[in-house]
Amino acid sequence: MIPTMILFGLAFGHWWRSTLVAAALIWPALMLASQVTTVEIGLLGAAGLGVANAAVGVLVHQTISRAIRGVRRPDPSPGGNCR
């Protein structure tokens, strides 16, 4: 189930703040729905792990996005922007 949250972060990494908040809610909900755990204090730890896993996906998304933007951005010429 861990790759689920990594893929979630990877897919929605553009909106990283919302993605991490959603991960804190979705991961415990998945744990409860699959009957892995019950409502207890460990569910807070599960929420933290869900955020950590989604953060890995967000980090990969952001890294790839910035690399693509860096390649697509033209190299400014020395005399290109004269005022």
Protein backbone atom coordinates (compact mmCIF):
# COMPACT_ATOMS: atom_id res chain seq x y z
CA MET A 1 0.00 0.00 0.00
CA ILE A 2 2.98 2.33 0.39
CA PRO A 3 3.41 2.76 -3.40
CA THR A 4 -0.17 4.04 -3.47
CA MET A 5 0.80 7.18 -1.59
CA ILE A 6 4.04 7.60 -3.53
CA LEU A 7 2.05 7.48 -6.78
CA PHE A 8 -0.49 9.89 -5.28
CA GLY A 9 2.31 12.36 -4.54
CA LEU A 10 3.83 11.79 -7.95
CA ALA A 11 0.53 12.40 -9.74
CA PHE A 12 -0.49 15.50 -7.77
CA GLY A 13 2.93 16.90 -6.90
CA HIS A 14 2.22 20.18 -8.66
CA TRP A 15 -0.15 21.08 -5.83
CA TRP A 16 2.22 19.86 -3.14
CA ARG A 17 0.61 21.53 -0.11
CA SER A 18 -2.85 20.19 -0.87
CA THR A 19 -1.39 16.80 -1.75
CA LEU A 20 0.35 16.46 1.61
CA VAL A 21 -2.78 17.52 3.51
CA ALA A 22 -4.87 15.06 1.50
CA ALA A 23 -2.32 12.32 2.17
CA ALA A 24 -2.69 12.90 5.90
CA LEU A 25 -6.39 12.19 5.51
CA ILE A 26 -6.42 9.55 2.77
CA TRP A 27 -3.79 7.18 4.16
CA PRO A 28 -5.51 6.62 7.52
CA ALA A 29 -8.83 6.26 5.68
CA LEU A 30 -7.28 3.54 3.49
CA MET A 31 -5.91 1.83 6.58
CA LEU A 32 -9.34 1.86 8.20
CA ALA A 33 -11.16 0.77 5.04
CA SER A 34 -8.83 -2.19 4.53
CA GLN A 35 -9.19 -3.09 8.23
CA VAL A 36 -5.44 -2.94 8.82
CA THR A 37 -5.98 -0.88 11.95
CA THR A 38 -8.74 0.52 14.11
CA VAL A 39 -9.26 4.04 15.42
CA GLU A 40 -6.43 4.39 17.92
CA ILE A 41 -3.33 6.48 18.59
CA GLY A 42 -1.36 4.51 15.99
CA LEU A 43 -3.55 6.06 13.33
CA LEU A 44 -1.74 9.37 13.86
CA GLY A 45 1.54 7.62 13.11
CA ALA A 46 -0.05 6.13 10.01
CA ALA A 47 -1.06 9.63 8.90
CA GLY A 48 2.56 10.77 9.33
CA LEU A 49 3.83 7.84 7.29
CA GLY A 50 1.26 8.58 4.59
CA VAL A 51 2.50 12.16 4.39
CA ALA A 52 6.12 10.98 4.27
CA ASN A 53 5.38 8.57 1.43
CA ALA A 54 3.43 11.18 -0.52
CA ALA A 55 6.28 13.64 0.07
CA VAL A 56 8.64 11.25 -1.72
CA GLY A 57 6.31 11.30 -4.73
CA VAL A 58 5.99 15.08 -4.55
CA LEU A 59 9.78 15.43 -4.41
CA VAL A 60 10.20 13.25 -7.52
CA HIS A 61 7.47 15.21 -9.32
CA GLN A 62 9.02 18.57 -8.42
CA THR A 63 12.50 17.40 -9.43
CA ILE A 64 11.32 16.18 -12.83
CA SER A 65 9.24 19.35 -13.35
CA ARG A 66 12.15 21.63 -12.60
CA ALA A 67 14.49 19.62 -14.82
CA ILE A 68 12.05 19.85 -17.72
CA ARG A 69 11.57 23.60 -17.17
CA GLY A 70 15.34 24.05 -17.12
CA VAL A 71 15.74 22.24 -20.44
CA ARG A 72 12.86 24.08 -22.11
CA ARG A 73 13.95 27.52 -20.93
CA PRO A 74 16.18 29.13 -23.57
CA ASP A 75 19.68 30.18 -22.58
CA PRO A 76 19.73 34.00 -22.53
CA SER A 77 22.24 35.50 -24.92
CA PRO A 78 24.56 38.25 -23.62
CA GLY A 79 22.99 40.98 -25.77
CA GLY A 80 19.45 39.62 -25.95
CA ASN A 81 17.73 41.93 -23.50
CA CYS A 82 19.13 45.40 -24.25
CA ARG A 83 17.26 48.34 -22.73
